Amino acid sequence: METNDFFRGKVVVVTGGTDGIGKALVEQLLGFGARVSTCGRNQDKIYQLQKVNPSSALHCMVTDVSRENDCRLFIERTCAVFGGIDVLINNAGISMRALMKETAVEVIRNVMDINFFGTVYCTRYALTSIMERKGTIVGISSIAGYRGLPGRSGYSASKFALQGWLESLRTEMIDEGVHVMWVCPGFTTSNIRQAALNKDAEAHGETSMDEEKMMPASVCAGHILHAIANRKRTLILTFTGKKTVFLSRFFPALADKLVHRFFFKEGKLIQ
């Protein structure tokens, strides 16, 4: 199905819509004629998004998805404004970069609260409306949901949990006519690496990775929306991502060595 035809007139919720993939999703959905509700933790970024997209088809709300009540209010307000929800894209997320032996447990908890429980909260409160409309639930996961990555143990744990939960939900929803899918982008241009938590649960603020070599967020968003319109089960993006998933499934010992080689330079974890 043509992507723009599928989304025209539909109500789509995108969590974490002020940066990166989420922002690209919001802008493309508005261009397709969808009514979009999005959220973020930063009031200034919410304001800027509304300023650039001054449309009654866009609803924004300051929300911390790690807080259940914030998620409940966001979903309830969306339904009050637009009458219901056709598609929920759980995009809000955070990463971390630190060796486990140096990492405070708080870091793991924070990542799980946002990446996993944030998805659970929003999905649970939106589920009744989505079931009524036989809509779609999407989780933005990661290659780290298939392959544990060194220095990203909490992030990998959250994405493994997310994919297992979504797979269970997908199976539960078969008779309800609800489409459930998860997306695993490879390295994509966004601020997730700058915002990633260090061993002390503080934002890194910088990264040594070359953003110019990564997939643009707008391209990633286009692939995601096309997959939703065509009711794909999963979407794995980039050649490196597909190779990593393949090797981890069929040649796990080799994958261990290759992943270690990629993430450690001269015995030190790359940041």
C-alpha atoms as a PDB file:
ATOM      1  CA  MET A   1       0.000   0.000   0.000  1.00  0.00           C
ATOM      2  CA  GLU A   2       1.136   3.558  -0.697  1.00  0.00           C
ATOM      3  CA  THR A   3       2.393   5.066   2.541  1.00  0.00           C
ATOM      4  CA  ASN A   4       0.666   8.446   2.159  1.00  0.00           C
ATOM      5  CA  ASP A   5      -2.702   6.809   1.395  1.00  0.00           C
ATOM      6  CA  PHE A   6      -2.459   4.598   4.486  1.00  0.00           C
ATOM      7  CA  PHE A   7      -1.820   7.431   6.927  1.00  0.00           C
ATOM      8  CA  ARG A   8      -4.127  10.086   5.494  1.00  0.00           C
ATOM      9  CA  GLY A   9      -6.700  10.995   8.162  1.00  0.00           C
ATOM     10  CA  LYS A  10      -5.368   8.538  10.739  1.00  0.00           C
ATOM     11  CA  VAL A  11      -4.452   9.486  14.300  1.00  0.00           C
ATOM     12  CA  VAL A  12      -0.835   8.574  14.976  1.00  0.00           C
ATOM     13  CA  VAL A  13       0.930   8.862  18.327  1.00  0.00           C
ATOM     14  CA  VAL A  14       4.722   9.225  18.293  1.00  0.00           C
ATOM     15  CA  THR A  15       6.502   9.315  21.639  1.00  0.00           C
ATOM     16  CA  GLY A  16       9.780  11.222  21.757  1.00  0.00           C
ATOM     17  CA  GLY A  17       8.898  13.327  18.725  1.00  0.00           C
ATOM     18  CA  THR A  18      11.195  16.318  19.279  1.00  0.00           C
ATOM     19  CA  ASP A  19      14.493  14.814  18.084  1.00  0.00           C
ATOM     20  CA  GLY A  20      15.990  12.383  15.609  1.00  0.00           C
ATOM     21  CA  ILE A  21      13.810   9.597  14.241  1.00  0.00           C
ATOM     22  CA  GLY A  22      10.780  10.740  16.231  1.00  0.00           C
ATOM     23  CA  LYS A  23      10.892  14.269  14.822  1.00  0.00           C
ATOM     24  CA  ALA A  24      11.332  12.915  11.292  1.00  0.00           C
ATOM     25  CA  LEU A  25       8.323  10.630  11.804  1.00  0.00           C
ATOM     26  CA  VAL A  26       6.171  13.536  12.995  1.00  0.00           C
ATOM     27  CA  GLU A  27       7.085  15.745  10.036  1.00  0.00           C
ATOM     28  CA  GLN A  28       6.522  13.010   7.437  1.00  0.00           C
ATOM     29  CA  LEU A  29       3.211  11.951   8.989  1.00  0.00           C
ATOM     30  CA  LEU A  30       1.922  15.520   8.911  1.00  0.00           C
ATOM     31  CA  GLY A  31       2.943  15.652   5.248  1.00  0.00           C
ATOM     32  CA  PHE A  32       0.892  12.500   4.604  1.00  0.00           C
ATOM     33  CA  GLY A  33      -2.212  14.112   6.080  1.00  0.00           C
ATOM     34  CA  ALA A  34      -2.212  12.281   9.415  1.00  0.00           C
ATOM     35  CA  ARG A  35      -3.258  13.814  12.712  1.00  0.00           C
ATOM     36  CA  VAL A  36      -0.260  13.475  15.000  1.00  0.00           C
ATOM     37  CA  SER A  37       0.125  13.527  18.762  1.00  0.00           C
ATOM     38  CA  THR A  38       3.637  13.591  20.158  1.00  0.00           C
ATOM     39  CA  CYS A  39       5.447  14.183  23.411  1.00  0.00           C
ATOM     40  CA  GLY A  40       8.847  14.938  24.858  1.00  0.00           C
ATOM     41  CA  ARG A  41      10.433  15.939  28.153  1.00  0.00           C
ATOM     42  CA  ASN A  42      11.810  19.295  26.994  1.00  0.00           C
ATOM     43  CA  GLN A  43       9.309  22.178  26.917  1.00  0.00           C
ATOM     44  CA  ASP A  44      11.508  24.303  24.633  1.00  0.00           C
ATOM     45  CA  LYS A  45      11.779  21.526  22.039  1.00  0.00           C
ATOM     46  CA  ILE A  46       8.024  20.985  22.159  1.00  0.00           C
ATOM     47  CA  TYR A  47       7.534  24.710  21.547  1.00  0.00           C
ATOM     48  CA  GLN A  48       9.949  24.716  18.599  1.00  0.00           C
ATOM     49  CA  LEU A  49       8.221  21.703  17.036  1.00  0.00           C
ATOM     50  CA  GLN A  50       4.848  23.422  17.246  1.00  0.00           C
ATOM     51  CA  LYS A  51       6.327  26.662  15.930  1.00  0.00           C
ATOM     52  CA  VAL A  52       7.711  24.933  12.836  1.00  0.00           C
ATOM     53  CA  ASN A  53       4.493  22.922  12.344  1.00  0.00           C
ATOM     54  CA  PRO A  54       1.636  25.332  13.258  1.00  0.00           C
ATOM     55  CA  SER A  55      -1.207  22.955  12.448  1.00  0.00           C
ATOM     56  CA  SER A  56      -4.336  21.780  14.239  1.00  0.00           C
ATOM     57  CA  ALA A  57      -3.302  18.304  13.053  1.00  0.00           C
ATOM     58  CA  LEU A  58      -0.419  18.360  15.559  1.00  0.00           C
ATOM     59  CA  HIS A  59      -0.934  17.914  19.287  1.00  0.00           C
ATOM     60  CA  CYS A  60       2.074  18.142  21.619  1.00  0.00           C
ATOM     61  CA  MET A  61       2.445  17.544  25.327  1.00  0.00           C
ATOM     62  CA  VAL A  62       5.346  17.578  27.768  1.00  0.00           C
ATOM     63  CA  THR A  63       5.633  14.003  28.995  1.00  0.00           C
ATOM     64  CA  ASP A  64       8.190  11.847  30.772  1.00  0.00           C
ATOM     65  CA  VAL A  65       7.406   8.328  29.555  1.00  0.00           C
ATOM     66  CA  SER A  66       9.187   6.789  32.543  1.00  0.00           C
ATOM     67  CA  ARG A  67       6.270   8.051  34.657  1.00  0.00           C
ATOM     68  CA  GLU A  68       3.094   6.020  34.336  1.00  0.00           C
ATOM     69  CA  ASN A  69       0.788   8.913  35.169  1.00  0.00           C
ATOM     70  CA  ASP A  70       2.431  11.122  32.520  1.00  0.00           C
ATOM     71  CA  CYS A  71       1.773   8.411  29.930  1.00  0.00           C
ATOM     72  CA  ARG A  72      -1.826   7.983  31.039  1.00  0.00           C
ATOM     73  CA  LEU A  73      -2.503  11.714  30.799  1.00  0.00           C
ATOM     74  CA  PHE A  74      -0.800  11.959  27.400  1.00  0.00           C
ATOM     75  CA  ILE A  75      -2.858   9.117  25.923  1.00  0.00           C
ATOM     76  CA  GLU A  76      -6.104  10.351  27.488  1.00  0.00           C
ATOM     77  CA  ARG A  77      -5.500  13.864  26.191  1.00  0.00           C
ATOM     78  CA  THR A  78      -4.737  12.532  22.704  1.00  0.00           C
ATOM     79  CA  CYS A  79      -8.027  10.623  22.643  1.00  0.00           C
ATOM     80  CA  ALA A  80      -9.877  13.720  23.867  1.00  0.00           C
ATOM     81  CA  VAL A  81      -8.335  15.899  21.138  1.00  0.00           C
ATOM     82  CA  PHE A  82      -8.511  13.486  18.188  1.00  0.00           C
ATOM     83  CA  GLY A  83     -11.198  11.000  19.242  1.00  0.00           C
ATOM     84  CA  GLY A  84      -9.015   7.899  19.383  1.00  0.00           C
ATOM     85  CA  ILE A  85      -5.752   6.349  18.216  1.00  0.00           C
ATOM     86  CA  ASP A  86      -5.046   4.360  15.045  1.00  0.00           C
ATOM     87  CA  VAL A  87      -1.273   3.950  15.313  1.00  0.00           C
ATOM     88  CA  LEU A  88       1.034   4.113  18.326  1.00  0.00           C
ATOM     89  CA  ILE A  89       4.767   4.428  17.614  1.00  0.00           C
ATOM     90  CA  ASN A  90       6.735   3.945  20.823  1.00  0.00           C
ATOM     91  CA  ASN A  91       9.870   5.826  19.836  1.00  0.00           C
ATOM     92  CA  ALA A  92      11.039   7.549  23.045  1.00  0.00           C
ATOM     93  CA  GLY A  93      14.276   6.047  24.270  1.00  0.00           C
ATOM     94  CA  ILE A  94      17.638   6.573  25.903  1.00  0.00           C
ATOM     95  CA  SER A  95      20.978   4.781  25.686  1.00  0.00           C
ATOM     96  CA  MET A  96      23.965   4.318  27.986  1.00  0.00           C
ATOM     97  CA  ARG A  97      27.705   3.823  27.561  1.00  0.00           C
ATOM     98  CA  ALA A  98      29.700   2.360  30.424  1.00  0.00           C
ATOM     99  CA  LEU A  99      31.267  -0.924  31.456  1.00  0.00           C
ATOM    100  CA  MET A 100      29.066  -2.848  33.873  1.00  0.00           C
ATOM    101  CA  LYS A 101      31.832  -3.079  36.478  1.00  0.00           C
ATOM    102  CA  GLU A 102      31.807   0.722  36.714  1.00  0.00           C
ATOM    103  CA  THR A 103      28.078   1.359  36.278  1.00  0.00           C
ATOM    104  CA  ALA A 104      25.667   2.429  39.002  1.00  0.00           C
ATOM    105  CA  VAL A 105      22.522   0.274  39.147  1.00  0.00           C
ATOM    106  CA  GLU A 106      20.552   3.517  38.788  1.00  0.00           C
ATOM    107  CA  VAL A 107      21.723   3.724  35.160  1.00  0.00           C
ATOM    108  CA  ILE A 108      20.192   0.350  34.286  1.00  0.00           C
ATOM    109  CA  ARG A 109      16.969   1.259  36.078  1.00  0.00           C
ATOM    110  CA  ASN A 110      16.660   4.602  34.256  1.00  0.00           C
ATOM    111  CA  VAL A 111      17.167   3.007  30.855  1.00  0.00           C
ATOM    112  CA  MET A 112      14.626   0.268  31.586  1.00  0.00           C
ATOM    113  CA  ASP A 113      12.082   2.799  32.895  1.00  0.00           C
ATOM    114  CA  ILE A 114      12.195   4.807  29.663  1.00  0.00           C
ATOM    115  CA  ASN A 115      12.809   2.198  26.973  1.00  0.00           C
ATOM    116  CA  PHE A 116      10.726  -0.671  28.312  1.00  0.00           C
ATOM    117  CA  PHE A 117       8.219   0.592  30.855  1.00  0.00           C
ATOM    118  CA  GLY A 118       7.553   3.753  28.852  1.00  0.00           C
ATOM    119  CA  THR A 119       6.384   1.546  25.997  1.00  0.00           C
ATOM    120  CA  VAL A 120       4.334  -0.630  28.340  1.00  0.00           C
ATOM    121  CA  TYR A 121       2.593   2.368  29.909  1.00  0.00           C
ATOM    122  CA  CYS A 122       1.679   4.107  26.658  1.00  0.00           C
ATOM    123  CA  THR A 123       0.591   0.898  24.973  1.00  0.00           C
ATOM    124  CA  ARG A 124      -1.557  -0.229  27.878  1.00  0.00           C
ATOM    125  CA  TYR A 125      -3.463   3.050  28.074  1.00  0.00           C
ATOM    126  CA  ALA A 126      -3.872   3.262  24.281  1.00  0.00           C
ATOM    127  CA  LEU A 127      -4.805  -0.388  23.815  1.00  0.00           C
ATOM    128  CA  THR A 128      -8.581  -0.082  24.101  1.00  0.00           C
ATOM    129  CA  SER A 129      -8.752   2.589  21.396  1.00  0.00           C
ATOM    130  CA  ILE A 130      -6.324   0.736  19.139  1.00  0.00           C
ATOM    131  CA  MET A 131      -8.338  -2.481  19.488  1.00  0.00           C
ATOM    132  CA  GLU A 132     -11.552  -0.642  18.603  1.00  0.00           C
ATOM    133  CA  ARG A 133      -9.917   0.688  15.435  1.00  0.00           C
ATOM    134  CA  LYS A 134      -7.928  -2.494  14.684  1.00  0.00           C
ATOM    135  CA  GLY A 135      -4.880  -0.328  14.603  1.00  0.00           C
ATOM    136  CA  THR A 136      -1.134  -0.707  14.918  1.00  0.00           C
ATOM    137  CA  ILE A 137       1.381  -0.783  17.779  1.00  0.00           C
ATOM    138  CA  VAL A 138       5.054  -0.205  16.966  1.00  0.00           C
ATOM    139  CA  GLY A 139       8.153  -0.381  19.119  1.00  0.00           C
ATOM    140  CA  ILE A 140      11.369   1.291  17.994  1.00  0.00           C
ATOM    141  CA  SER A 141      13.925  -1.236  19.160  1.00  0.00           C
ATOM    142  CA  SER A 142      17.535  -1.723  18.094  1.00  0.00           C
ATOM    143  CA  ILE A 143      20.046  -4.250  16.832  1.00  0.00           C
ATOM    144  CA  ALA A 144      20.894  -4.352  20.561  1.00  0.00           C
ATOM    145  CA  GLY A 145      17.579  -6.185  20.972  1.00  0.00           C
ATOM    146  CA  TYR A 146      19.074  -9.123  19.049  1.00  0.00           C
ATOM    147  CA  ARG A 147      22.695  -8.861  20.123  1.00  0.00           C
ATOM    148  CA  GLY A 148      23.963  -7.692  23.515  1.00  0.00           C
ATOM    149  CA  LEU A 149      26.475  -4.876  23.031  1.00  0.00           C
ATOM    150  CA  PRO A 150      29.421  -4.206  25.362  1.00  0.00           C
ATOM    151  CA  GLY A 151      29.177  -0.975  27.287  1.00  0.00           C
ATOM    152  CA  ARG A 152      25.469  -0.894  26.470  1.00  0.00           C
ATOM    153  CA  SER A 153      24.297  -3.670  28.805  1.00  0.00           C
ATOM    154  CA  GLY A 154      21.309  -1.752  30.182  1.00  0.00           C
ATOM    155  CA  TYR A 155      20.320  -0.554  26.715  1.00  0.00           C
ATOM    156  CA  SER A 156      20.578  -4.091  25.314  1.00  0.00           C
ATOM    157  CA  ALA A 157      18.540  -5.464  28.230  1.00  0.00           C
ATOM    158  CA  SER A 158      15.784  -2.908  27.625  1.00  0.00           C
ATOM    159  CA  LYS A 159      15.579  -3.737  23.927  1.00  0.00           C
ATOM    160  CA  PHE A 160      15.603  -7.508  24.488  1.00  0.00           C
ATOM    161  CA  ALA A 161      12.751  -7.005  26.966  1.00  0.00           C
ATOM    162  CA  LEU A 162      10.905  -4.740  24.542  1.00  0.00           C
ATOM    163  CA  GLN A 163      11.051  -7.211  21.668  1.00  0.00           C
ATOM    164  CA  GLY A 164       9.979 -10.161  23.808  1.00  0.00           C
ATOM    165  CA  TRP A 165       7.073  -8.171  25.182  1.00  0.00           C
ATOM    166  CA  LEU A 166       5.973  -6.996  21.741  1.00  0.00           C
ATOM    167  CA  GLU A 167       6.200 -10.528  20.339  1.00  0.00           C
ATOM    168  CA  SER A 168       3.937 -11.745  23.150  1.00  0.00           C
ATOM    169  CA  LEU A 169       1.531  -8.881  22.490  1.00  0.00           C
ATOM    170  CA  ARG A 170       1.557  -9.540  18.753  1.00  0.00           C
ATOM    171  CA  THR A 171       0.485 -13.134  19.372  1.00  0.00           C
ATOM    172  CA  GLU A 172      -2.230 -12.053  21.823  1.00  0.00           C
ATOM    173  CA  MET A 173      -3.616  -9.536  19.324  1.00  0.00           C
ATOM    174  CA  ILE A 174      -3.941 -11.828  16.294  1.00  0.00           C
ATOM    175  CA  ASP A 175      -7.652 -12.446  16.857  1.00  0.00           C
ATOM    176  CA  GLU A 176      -8.220  -8.763  17.642  1.00  0.00           C
ATOM    177  CA  GLY A 177      -6.985  -7.624  14.233  1.00  0.00           C
ATOM    178  CA  VAL A 178      -4.304  -5.419  15.813  1.00  0.00           C
ATOM    179  CA  HIS A 179      -0.966  -5.181  14.032  1.00  0.00           C
ATOM    180  CA  VAL A 180       2.135  -5.274  16.272  1.00  0.00           C
ATOM    181  CA  MET A 181       5.659  -4.781  14.929  1.00  0.00           C
ATOM    182  CA  TRP A 182       9.127  -3.719  16.061  1.00  0.00           C
ATOM    183  CA  VAL A 183      11.799  -1.828  14.186  1.00  0.00           C
ATOM    184  CA  CYS A 184      15.559  -2.188  14.602  1.00  0.00           C
ATOM    185  CA  PRO A 185      17.444   0.742  13.092  1.00  0.00           C
ATOM    186  CA  GLY A 186      21.189   0.515  12.767  1.00  0.00           C
ATOM    187  CA  PHE A 187      23.287   3.580  13.544  1.00  0.00           C
ATOM    188  CA  THR A 188      21.072   6.567  12.681  1.00  0.00           C
ATOM    189  CA  THR A 189      21.709  10.299  12.989  1.00  0.00           C
ATOM    190  CA  SER A 190      20.118  11.485  16.231  1.00  0.00           C
ATOM    191  CA  ASN A 191      21.018  12.874  19.632  1.00  0.00           C
ATOM    192  CA  ILE A 192      20.699   9.477  21.358  1.00  0.00           C
ATOM    193  CA  ARG A 193      24.469   9.098  21.648  1.00  0.00           C
ATOM    194  CA  GLN A 194      24.924  12.588  23.127  1.00  0.00           C
ATOM    195  CA  ALA A 195      22.077  11.955  25.590  1.00  0.00           C
ATOM    196  CA  ALA A 196      23.326   8.469  26.492  1.00  0.00           C
ATOM    197  CA  LEU A 197      23.942   7.990  30.215  1.00  0.00           C
ATOM    198  CA  ASN A 198      27.432   7.456  31.556  1.00  0.00           C
ATOM    199  CA  LYS A 199      28.346   5.275  34.534  1.00  0.00           C
ATOM    200  CA  ASP A 200      26.994   7.933  36.913  1.00  0.00           C
ATOM    201  CA  ALA A 201      23.624   8.342  35.140  1.00  0.00           C
ATOM    202  CA  GLU A 202      24.665  11.667  33.582  1.00  0.00           C
ATOM    203  CA  ALA A 203      24.440  12.534  29.868  1.00  0.00           C
ATOM    204  CA  HIS A 204      27.675  11.932  27.948  1.00  0.00           C
ATOM    205  CA  GLY A 205      27.190  15.037  25.809  1.00  0.00           C
ATOM    206  CA  GLU A 206      29.583  13.814  23.108  1.00  0.00           C
ATOM    207  CA  THR A 207      30.414  10.764  21.005  1.00  0.00           C
ATOM    208  CA  SER A 208      33.393   9.611  18.990  1.00  0.00           C
ATOM    209  CA  MET A 209      31.194   8.028  16.298  1.00  0.00           C
ATOM    210  CA  ASP A 210      30.957   9.673  12.878  1.00  0.00           C
ATOM    211  CA  GLU A 211      27.354  10.799  12.394  1.00  0.00           C
ATOM    212  CA  GLU A 212      27.971  11.571   8.709  1.00  0.00           C
ATOM    213  CA  LYS A 213      28.384   7.857   7.956  1.00  0.00           C
ATOM    214  CA  MET A 214      25.049   6.963   9.553  1.00  0.00           C
ATOM    215  CA  MET A 215      21.592   6.647   8.010  1.00  0.00           C
ATOM    216  CA  PRO A 216      19.773  10.011   8.097  1.00  0.00           C
ATOM    217  CA  ALA A 217      16.804  10.078  10.472  1.00  0.00           C
ATOM    218  CA  SER A 218      14.492  11.111   7.620  1.00  0.00           C
ATOM    219  CA  VAL A 219      15.435   8.022   5.591  1.00  0.00           C
ATOM    220  CA  CYS A 220      14.962   5.787   8.614  1.00  0.00           C
ATOM    221  CA  ALA A 221      11.528   7.319   9.271  1.00  0.00           C
ATOM    222  CA  GLY A 222      10.493   6.683   5.671  1.00  0.00           C
ATOM    223  CA  HIS A 223      11.373   2.992   5.968  1.00  0.00           C
ATOM    224  CA  ILE A 224       9.444   2.721   9.242  1.00  0.00           C
ATOM    225  CA  LEU A 225       6.266   4.291   7.860  1.00  0.00           C
ATOM    226  CA  HIS A 226       6.397   2.133   4.738  1.00  0.00           C
ATOM    227  CA  ALA A 227       6.727  -0.987   6.910  1.00  0.00           C
ATOM    228  CA  ILE A 228       3.760   0.070   9.060  1.00  0.00           C
ATOM    229  CA  ALA A 229       1.585   0.700   5.998  1.00  0.00           C
ATOM    230  CA  ASN A 230       2.448  -2.758   4.686  1.00  0.00           C
ATOM    231  CA  ARG A 231       1.964  -4.463   8.083  1.00  0.00           C
ATOM    232  CA  LYS A 232       5.454  -5.909   8.349  1.00  0.00           C
ATOM    233  CA  ARG A 233       6.285  -8.073  11.375  1.00  0.00           C
ATOM    234  CA  THR A 234       9.747  -6.641  11.889  1.00  0.00           C
ATOM    235  CA  LEU A 235      12.083  -4.231  10.152  1.00  0.00           C
ATOM    236  CA  ILE A 236      15.877  -4.460  10.414  1.00  0.00           C
ATOM    237  CA  LEU A 237      17.704  -1.563   8.802  1.00  0.00           C
ATOM    238  CA  THR A 238      21.252  -1.151   7.392  1.00  0.00           C
ATOM    239  CA  PHE A 239      23.533  -3.835   6.015  1.00  0.00           C
ATOM    240  CA  THR A 240      25.597  -3.859   9.219  1.00  0.00           C
ATOM    241  CA  GLY A 241      22.460  -4.392  11.282  1.00  0.00           C
ATOM    242  CA  LYS A 242      21.260  -7.283   9.144  1.00  0.00           C
ATOM    243  CA  LYS A 243      24.720  -8.854   9.185  1.00  0.00           C
ATOM    244  CA  THR A 244      24.920  -8.560  12.967  1.00  0.00           C
ATOM    245  CA  VAL A 245      21.539 -10.233  13.470  1.00  0.00           C
ATOM    246  CA  PHE A 246      22.438 -13.023  11.028  1.00  0.00           C
ATOM    247  CA  LEU A 247      25.817 -13.740  12.624  1.00  0.00           C
ATOM    248  CA  SER A 248      24.404 -13.619  16.150  1.00  0.00           C
ATOM    249  CA  ARG A 249      21.746 -16.162  15.225  1.00  0.00           C
ATOM    250  CA  PHE A 250      23.868 -18.645  13.299  1.00  0.00           C
ATOM    251  CA  PHE A 251      27.483 -17.940  14.318  1.00  0.00           C
ATOM    252  CA  PRO A 252      27.288 -16.518  17.858  1.00  0.00           C
ATOM    253  CA  ALA A 253      30.947 -17.179  18.801  1.00  0.00           C
ATOM    254  CA  LEU A 254      32.141 -15.329  15.705  1.00  0.00           C
ATOM    255  CA  ALA A 255      29.720 -12.509  16.489  1.00  0.00           C
ATOM    256  CA  ASP A 256      31.261 -12.214  19.963  1.00  0.00           C
ATOM    257  CA  LYS A 257      34.691 -11.620  18.453  1.00  0.00           C
ATOM    258  CA  LEU A 258      33.515  -9.182  15.780  1.00  0.00           C
ATOM    259  CA  VAL A 259      31.398  -7.129  18.172  1.00  0.00           C
ATOM    260  CA  HIS A 260      34.276  -6.981  20.663  1.00  0.00           C
ATOM    261  CA  ARG A 261      36.634  -5.830  17.919  1.00  0.00           C
ATOM    262  CA  PHE A 262      34.198  -3.098  16.857  1.00  0.00           C
ATOM    263  CA  PHE A 263      33.534  -1.677  20.329  1.00  0.00           C
ATOM    264  CA  PHE A 264      37.020  -1.948  21.831  1.00  0.00           C
ATOM    265  CA  LYS A 265      40.009  -0.048  20.466  1.00  0.00           C
ATOM    266  CA  GLU A 266      43.395  -0.647  22.101  1.00  0.00           C
ATOM    267  CA  GLY A 267      41.634  -2.387  24.954  1.00  0.00           C
ATOM    268  CA  LYS A 268      39.320   0.542  25.701  1.00  0.00           C
ATOM    269  CA  LEU A 269      35.578   0.828  25.118  1.00  0.00           C
ATOM    270  CA  ILE A 270      34.777   3.339  22.396  1.00  0.00           C
ATOM    271  CA  GLN A 271      32.423   6.097  23.467  1.00  0.00           C
END
